[in-house]
Amino acid sequence: MYSVIISLGAGSTLLAFLITYQVKVAGTDLLSIAKYNLVILPAIFIANVFLGMGINKGHAIFENLPLMIAIQTSIYYIMITVFSIYMLDNKISIAKTIVAFALIIVAIYLLKS
């Protein structure tokens, strides 16, 4: 079970970092975005391998694919929030963020039962 959480966490964190870093360094034109995505292609592959391992192992244990996807999504959104605050210096609304995470927690609870 720990390998599932580690795999989902590693893949989600890496993807969140790569997306946040893209916003920070890549321009808004198509060429710079395409160039950035070509450079990080191996890292995206590694993140997807982690996610695939976590989802497959988790499905074998819990036999609930939507639960695995909900857990992965919640980790991803938590990491996007953390990276947005620290890397991009975004000022986020704490109340709206708490409501969003509460909805994710409710969804996970509903999928688990």
N, C-alpha and C. Protein backbone atom coordinates (compact mmCIF):
# COMPACT_ATOMS: atom_id res chain seq x y z
N MET A 1 0.82 -1.19 0.00
CA MET A 1 0.00 0.00 0.00
C MET A 1 0.86 1.25 0.00
N TYR A 2 1.99 1.21 0.72
CA TYR A 2 2.86 2.38 0.75
C TYR A 2 3.46 2.65 -0.62
N SER A 3 3.73 1.58 -1.38
CA SER A 3 4.28 1.78 -2.72
C SER A 3 3.27 2.48 -3.62
N VAL A 4 1.98 2.25 -3.40
CA VAL A 4 0.94 2.93 -4.18
C VAL A 4 0.98 4.43 -3.89
N ILE A 5 1.01 4.78 -2.62
CA ILE A 5 1.00 6.19 -2.24
C ILE A 5 2.29 6.88 -2.69
N ILE A 6 3.42 6.19 -2.56
CA ILE A 6 4.70 6.78 -3.00
C ILE A 6 4.70 6.97 -4.51
N SER A 7 4.22 5.99 -5.25
CA SER A 7 4.18 6.10 -6.71
C SER A 7 3.25 7.23 -7.16
N LEU A 8 2.04 7.26 -6.60
CA LEU A 8 1.11 8.32 -6.96
C LEU A 8 1.64 9.69 -6.54
N GLY A 9 2.25 9.75 -5.36
CA GLY A 9 2.80 11.01 -4.88
C GLY A 9 3.95 11.51 -5.74
N ALA A 10 4.86 10.61 -6.10
CA ALA A 10 6.01 11.00 -6.91
C ALA A 10 5.58 11.46 -8.30
N GLY A 11 4.70 10.71 -8.93
CA GLY A 11 4.23 11.08 -10.26
C GLY A 11 3.46 12.39 -10.26
N SER A 12 2.57 12.55 -9.30
CA SER A 12 1.76 13.77 -9.22
C SER A 12 2.61 14.98 -8.90
N THR A 13 3.57 14.81 -7.98
CA THR A 13 4.44 15.92 -7.61
C THR A 13 5.32 16.35 -8.78
N LEU A 14 5.86 15.38 -9.49
CA LEU A 14 6.70 15.71 -10.64
C LEU A 14 5.90 16.42 -11.72
N LEU A 15 4.69 15.94 -12.02
CA LEU A 15 3.86 16.62 -13.02
C LEU A 15 3.49 18.02 -12.58
N ALA A 16 3.13 18.19 -11.31
CA ALA A 16 2.77 19.52 -10.81
C ALA A 16 3.96 20.47 -10.90
N PHE A 17 5.15 19.97 -10.56
CA PHE A 17 6.35 20.81 -10.66
C PHE A 17 6.61 21.22 -12.10
N LEU A 18 6.52 20.27 -13.02
CA LEU A 18 6.81 20.57 -14.42
C LEU A 18 5.82 21.59 -15.00
N ILE A 19 4.56 21.47 -14.65
CA ILE A 19 3.55 22.41 -15.14
C ILE A 19 3.77 23.80 -14.54
N THR A 20 4.04 23.85 -13.25
CA THR A 20 4.28 25.14 -12.60
C THR A 20 5.54 25.79 -13.14
N TYR A 21 6.58 25.01 -13.33
CA TYR A 21 7.83 25.54 -13.87
C TYR A 21 7.64 26.05 -15.30
N GLN A 22 6.77 25.38 -16.06
CA GLN A 22 6.47 25.84 -17.42
C GLN A 22 5.86 27.23 -17.38
N VAL A 23 4.96 27.47 -16.46
CA VAL A 23 4.33 28.78 -16.34
C VAL A 23 5.37 29.83 -15.99
N LYS A 24 6.37 29.43 -15.21
CA LYS A 24 7.39 30.38 -14.78
C LYS A 24 8.39 30.71 -15.88
N VAL A 25 8.84 29.72 -16.66
CA VAL A 25 9.95 29.95 -17.59
C VAL A 25 9.56 30.02 -19.06
N ALA A 26 8.51 29.35 -19.46
CA ALA A 26 8.16 29.32 -20.89
C ALA A 26 7.34 30.56 -21.24
N GLY A 27 7.54 31.03 -22.43
CA GLY A 27 6.76 32.17 -22.90
C GLY A 27 5.34 31.76 -23.26
N THR A 28 4.61 32.71 -23.81
CA THR A 28 3.22 32.42 -24.16
C THR A 28 3.06 32.02 -25.62
N ASP A 29 4.14 32.07 -26.39
CA ASP A 29 4.02 31.70 -27.80
C ASP A 29 4.17 30.19 -27.96
N LEU A 30 3.65 29.69 -29.05
CA LEU A 30 3.60 28.25 -29.32
C LEU A 30 4.99 27.63 -29.38
N LEU A 31 5.94 28.33 -29.97
CA LEU A 31 7.28 27.78 -30.14
C LEU A 31 7.98 27.54 -28.80
N SER A 32 7.90 28.49 -27.88
CA SER A 32 8.58 28.29 -26.59
C SER A 32 7.89 27.21 -25.76
N ILE A 33 6.58 27.11 -25.84
CA ILE A 33 5.87 26.05 -25.12
C ILE A 33 6.21 24.68 -25.71
N ALA A 34 6.26 24.60 -27.04
CA ALA A 34 6.61 23.33 -27.69
C ALA A 34 8.04 22.94 -27.36
N LYS A 35 8.95 23.90 -27.36
CA LYS A 35 10.35 23.63 -27.03
C LYS A 35 10.48 23.13 -25.59
N TYR A 36 9.78 23.79 -24.67
CA TYR A 36 9.82 23.37 -23.27
C TYR A 36 9.30 21.94 -23.11
N ASN A 37 8.20 21.63 -23.77
CA ASN A 37 7.63 20.29 -23.66
C ASN A 37 8.52 19.22 -24.27
N LEU A 38 9.25 19.55 -25.33
CA LEU A 38 10.19 18.59 -25.89
C LEU A 38 11.36 18.34 -24.94
N VAL A 39 11.80 19.39 -24.24
CA VAL A 39 12.93 19.24 -23.32
C VAL A 39 12.53 18.39 -22.12
N ILE A 40 11.32 18.56 -21.61
CA ILE A 40 10.91 17.84 -20.40
C ILE A 40 10.22 16.51 -20.71
N LEU A 41 10.21 16.10 -21.94
CA LEU A 41 9.55 14.84 -22.32
C LEU A 41 10.03 13.64 -21.51
N PRO A 42 11.33 13.46 -21.26
CA PRO A 42 11.74 12.32 -20.42
C PRO A 42 11.19 12.40 -19.00
N ALA A 43 11.11 13.60 -18.44
CA ALA A 43 10.57 13.74 -17.08
C ALA A 43 9.08 13.44 -17.05
N ILE A 44 8.36 13.84 -18.09
CA ILE A 44 6.93 13.51 -18.17
C ILE A 44 6.74 12.00 -18.29
N PHE A 45 7.62 11.36 -19.06
CA PHE A 45 7.56 9.91 -19.18
C PHE A 45 7.75 9.24 -17.82
N ILE A 46 8.75 9.71 -17.06
CA ILE A 46 9.01 9.14 -15.73
C ILE A 46 7.81 9.36 -14.81
N ALA A 47 7.22 10.56 -14.84
CA ALA A 47 6.05 10.84 -14.01
C ALA A 47 4.90 9.91 -14.37
N ASN A 48 4.69 9.69 -15.66
CA ASN A 48 3.60 8.80 -16.09
C ASN A 48 3.87 7.35 -15.73
N VAL A 49 5.13 6.94 -15.71
CA VAL A 49 5.46 5.58 -15.26
C VAL A 49 5.10 5.42 -13.79
N PHE A 50 5.47 6.43 -12.96
CA PHE A 50 5.10 6.38 -11.54
C PHE A 50 3.58 6.32 -11.37
N LEU A 51 2.87 7.16 -12.11
CA LEU A 51 1.40 7.17 -12.01
C LEU A 51 0.81 5.83 -12.45
N GLY A 52 1.33 5.29 -13.52
CA GLY A 52 0.83 4.00 -14.01
C GLY A 52 1.06 2.89 -13.00
N MET A 53 2.24 2.87 -12.39
CA MET A 53 2.53 1.85 -11.37
C MET A 53 1.60 2.03 -10.18
N GLY A 54 1.42 3.26 -9.73
CA GLY A 54 0.57 3.51 -8.57
C GLY A 54 -0.88 3.16 -8.82
N ILE A 55 -1.39 3.52 -9.98
CA ILE A 55 -2.78 3.24 -10.29
C ILE A 55 -3.01 1.74 -10.48
N ASN A 56 -2.09 1.06 -11.17
CA ASN A 56 -2.26 -0.38 -11.37
C ASN A 56 -2.16 -1.16 -10.06
N LYS A 57 -1.16 -0.82 -9.22
CA LYS A 57 -1.03 -1.51 -7.93
C LYS A 57 -2.21 -1.17 -7.02
N GLY A 58 -2.62 0.08 -7.03
CA GLY A 58 -3.76 0.49 -6.21
C GLY A 58 -5.05 -0.18 -6.62
N HIS A 59 -5.24 -0.31 -7.93
CA HIS A 59 -6.44 -0.99 -8.40
C HIS A 59 -6.42 -2.46 -8.02
N ALA A 60 -5.24 -3.06 -8.04
CA ALA A 60 -5.14 -4.47 -7.63
C ALA A 60 -5.46 -4.64 -6.15
N ILE A 61 -5.10 -3.66 -5.33
CA ILE A 61 -5.35 -3.75 -3.89
C ILE A 61 -6.79 -3.39 -3.55
N PHE A 62 -7.24 -2.22 -4.03
CA PHE A 62 -8.55 -1.69 -3.61
C PHE A 62 -9.68 -2.05 -4.56
N GLU A 63 -9.36 -2.44 -5.80
CA GLU A 63 -10.35 -2.76 -6.83
C GLU A 63 -11.34 -1.62 -7.03
N ASN A 64 -10.82 -0.39 -7.04
CA ASN A 64 -11.66 0.79 -7.22
C ASN A 64 -10.85 1.84 -7.98
N LEU A 65 -10.96 1.83 -9.30
CA LEU A 65 -10.19 2.74 -10.13
C LEU A 65 -10.54 4.20 -9.90
N PRO A 66 -11.83 4.57 -9.78
CA PRO A 66 -12.12 5.99 -9.51
C PRO A 66 -11.49 6.49 -8.21
N LEU A 67 -11.37 5.63 -7.20
CA LEU A 67 -10.71 6.03 -5.96
C LEU A 67 -9.24 6.34 -6.22
N MET A 68 -8.57 5.53 -7.00
CA MET A 68 -7.15 5.77 -7.31
C MET A 68 -6.97 7.09 -8.06
N ILE A 69 -7.85 7.34 -9.01
CA ILE A 69 -7.77 8.58 -9.78
C ILE A 69 -8.07 9.78 -8.88
N ALA A 70 -9.02 9.65 -7.97
CA ALA A 70 -9.34 10.75 -7.06
C ALA A 70 -8.18 11.04 -6.12
N ILE A 71 -7.51 10.01 -5.63
CA ILE A 71 -6.35 10.21 -4.76
C ILE A 71 -5.23 10.89 -5.54
N GLN A 72 -4.98 10.43 -6.75
CA GLN A 72 -3.93 11.04 -7.58
C GLN A 72 -4.26 12.50 -7.88
N THR A 73 -5.51 12.78 -8.18
CA THR A 73 -5.92 14.14 -8.49
C THR A 73 -5.77 15.05 -7.28
N SER A 74 -6.13 14.56 -6.11
CA SER A 74 -6.00 15.40 -4.92
C SER A 74 -4.54 15.69 -4.60
N ILE A 75 -3.66 14.70 -4.74
CA ILE A 75 -2.23 14.95 -4.54
C ILE A 75 -1.74 15.98 -5.54
N TYR A 76 -2.15 15.83 -6.80
CA TYR A 76 -1.74 16.76 -7.85
C TYR A 76 -2.18 18.19 -7.53
N TYR A 77 -3.42 18.37 -7.12
CA TYR A 77 -3.91 19.71 -6.84
C TYR A 77 -3.27 20.32 -5.60
N ILE A 78 -2.98 19.51 -4.61
CA ILE A 78 -2.26 20.02 -3.44
C ILE A 78 -0.88 20.51 -3.85
N MET A 79 -0.19 19.73 -4.66
CA MET A 79 1.15 20.13 -5.09
C MET A 79 1.11 21.34 -6.02
N ILE A 80 0.11 21.43 -6.89
CA ILE A 80 -0.04 22.63 -7.73
C ILE A 80 -0.21 23.86 -6.85
N THR A 81 -1.00 23.74 -5.80
CA THR A 81 -1.21 24.86 -4.88
C THR A 81 0.09 25.25 -4.19
N VAL A 82 0.82 24.27 -3.69
CA VAL A 82 2.08 24.54 -3.00
C VAL A 82 3.08 25.19 -3.95
N PHE A 83 3.24 24.63 -5.14
CA PHE A 83 4.19 25.19 -6.10
C PHE A 83 3.76 26.57 -6.59
N SER A 84 2.47 26.79 -6.72
CA SER A 84 1.99 28.11 -7.14
C SER A 84 2.31 29.17 -6.09
N ILE A 85 2.19 28.80 -4.84
CA ILE A 85 2.50 29.77 -3.77
C ILE A 85 4.00 30.06 -3.70
N TYR A 86 4.82 29.01 -3.73
CA TYR A 86 6.25 29.20 -3.51
C TYR A 86 7.05 29.53 -4.77
N MET A 87 6.70 28.97 -5.92
CA MET A 87 7.46 29.24 -7.13
C MET A 87 6.98 30.48 -7.87
N LEU A 88 5.67 30.69 -7.88
CA LEU A 88 5.10 31.79 -8.65
C LEU A 88 4.68 32.98 -7.80
N ASP A 89 4.80 32.84 -6.49
CA ASP A 89 4.39 33.90 -5.55
C ASP A 89 2.95 34.31 -5.74
N ASN A 90 2.10 33.35 -6.05
CA ASN A 90 0.68 33.64 -6.22
C ASN A 90 0.02 33.86 -4.87
N LYS A 91 -0.87 34.79 -4.84
CA LYS A 91 -1.70 35.02 -3.66
C LYS A 91 -3.03 34.31 -3.91
N ILE A 92 -3.26 33.23 -3.18
CA ILE A 92 -4.49 32.46 -3.40
C ILE A 92 -5.47 32.73 -2.29
N SER A 93 -6.73 32.53 -2.58
CA SER A 93 -7.78 32.69 -1.58
C SER A 93 -7.82 31.43 -0.72
N ILE A 94 -7.54 31.59 0.55
CA ILE A 94 -7.53 30.45 1.46
C ILE A 94 -8.92 29.82 1.56
N ALA A 95 -9.95 30.64 1.62
CA ALA A 95 -11.31 30.11 1.75
C ALA A 95 -11.69 29.28 0.53
N LYS A 96 -11.41 29.78 -0.67
CA LYS A 96 -11.75 29.03 -1.88
C LYS A 96 -10.93 27.75 -2.00
N THR A 97 -9.68 27.81 -1.56
CA THR A 97 -8.83 26.62 -1.60
C THR A 97 -9.34 25.56 -0.64
N ILE A 98 -9.76 25.97 0.55
CA ILE A 98 -10.30 25.02 1.52
C ILE A 98 -11.58 24.39 1.00
N VAL A 99 -12.44 25.17 0.37
CA VAL A 99 -13.68 24.63 -0.21
C VAL A 99 -13.35 23.63 -1.31
N ALA A 100 -12.38 23.95 -2.15
CA ALA A 100 -12.00 23.04 -3.24
C ALA A 100 -11.48 21.72 -2.69
N PHE A 101 -10.60 21.78 -1.69
CA PHE A 101 -10.07 20.54 -1.13
C PHE A 101 -11.14 19.78 -0.35
N ALA A 102 -12.07 20.46 0.26
CA ALA A 102 -13.17 19.78 0.94
C ALA A 102 -14.03 19.01 -0.06
N LEU A 103 -14.27 19.61 -1.22
CA LEU A 103 -15.02 18.90 -2.26
C LEU A 103 -14.28 17.66 -2.74
N ILE A 104 -12.96 17.77 -2.87
CA ILE A 104 -12.18 16.60 -3.28
C ILE A 104 -12.26 15.52 -2.22
N ILE A 105 -12.17 15.89 -0.94
CA ILE A 105 -12.25 14.91 0.15
C ILE A 105 -13.62 14.24 0.17
N VAL A 106 -14.68 15.01 -0.04
CA VAL A 106 -16.03 14.43 -0.09
C VAL A 106 -16.14 13.45 -1.25
N ALA A 107 -15.58 13.82 -2.40
CA ALA A 107 -15.62 12.93 -3.56
C ALA A 107 -14.86 11.63 -3.30
N ILE A 108 -13.71 11.72 -2.66
CA ILE A 108 -12.95 10.51 -2.33
C ILE A 108 -13.74 9.64 -1.37
N TYR A 109 -14.38 10.25 -0.39
CA TYR A 109 -15.19 9.49 0.57
C TYR A 109 -16.34 8.77 -0.16
N LEU A 110 -17.00 9.48 -1.06
CA LEU A 110 -18.11 8.86 -1.80
C LEU A 110 -17.63 7.73 -2.70
N LEU A 111 -16.45 7.90 -3.31
CA LEU A 111 -15.93 6.85 -4.18
C LEU A 111 -15.46 5.64 -3.38
N LYS A 112 -14.99 5.88 -2.18
CA LYS A 112 -14.48 4.77 -1.36
C LYS A 112 -15.62 3.91 -0.83
N SER A 113 -16.78 4.51 -0.58
CA SER A 113 -17.88 3.74 0.01
C SER A 113 -18.71 3.04 -1.03
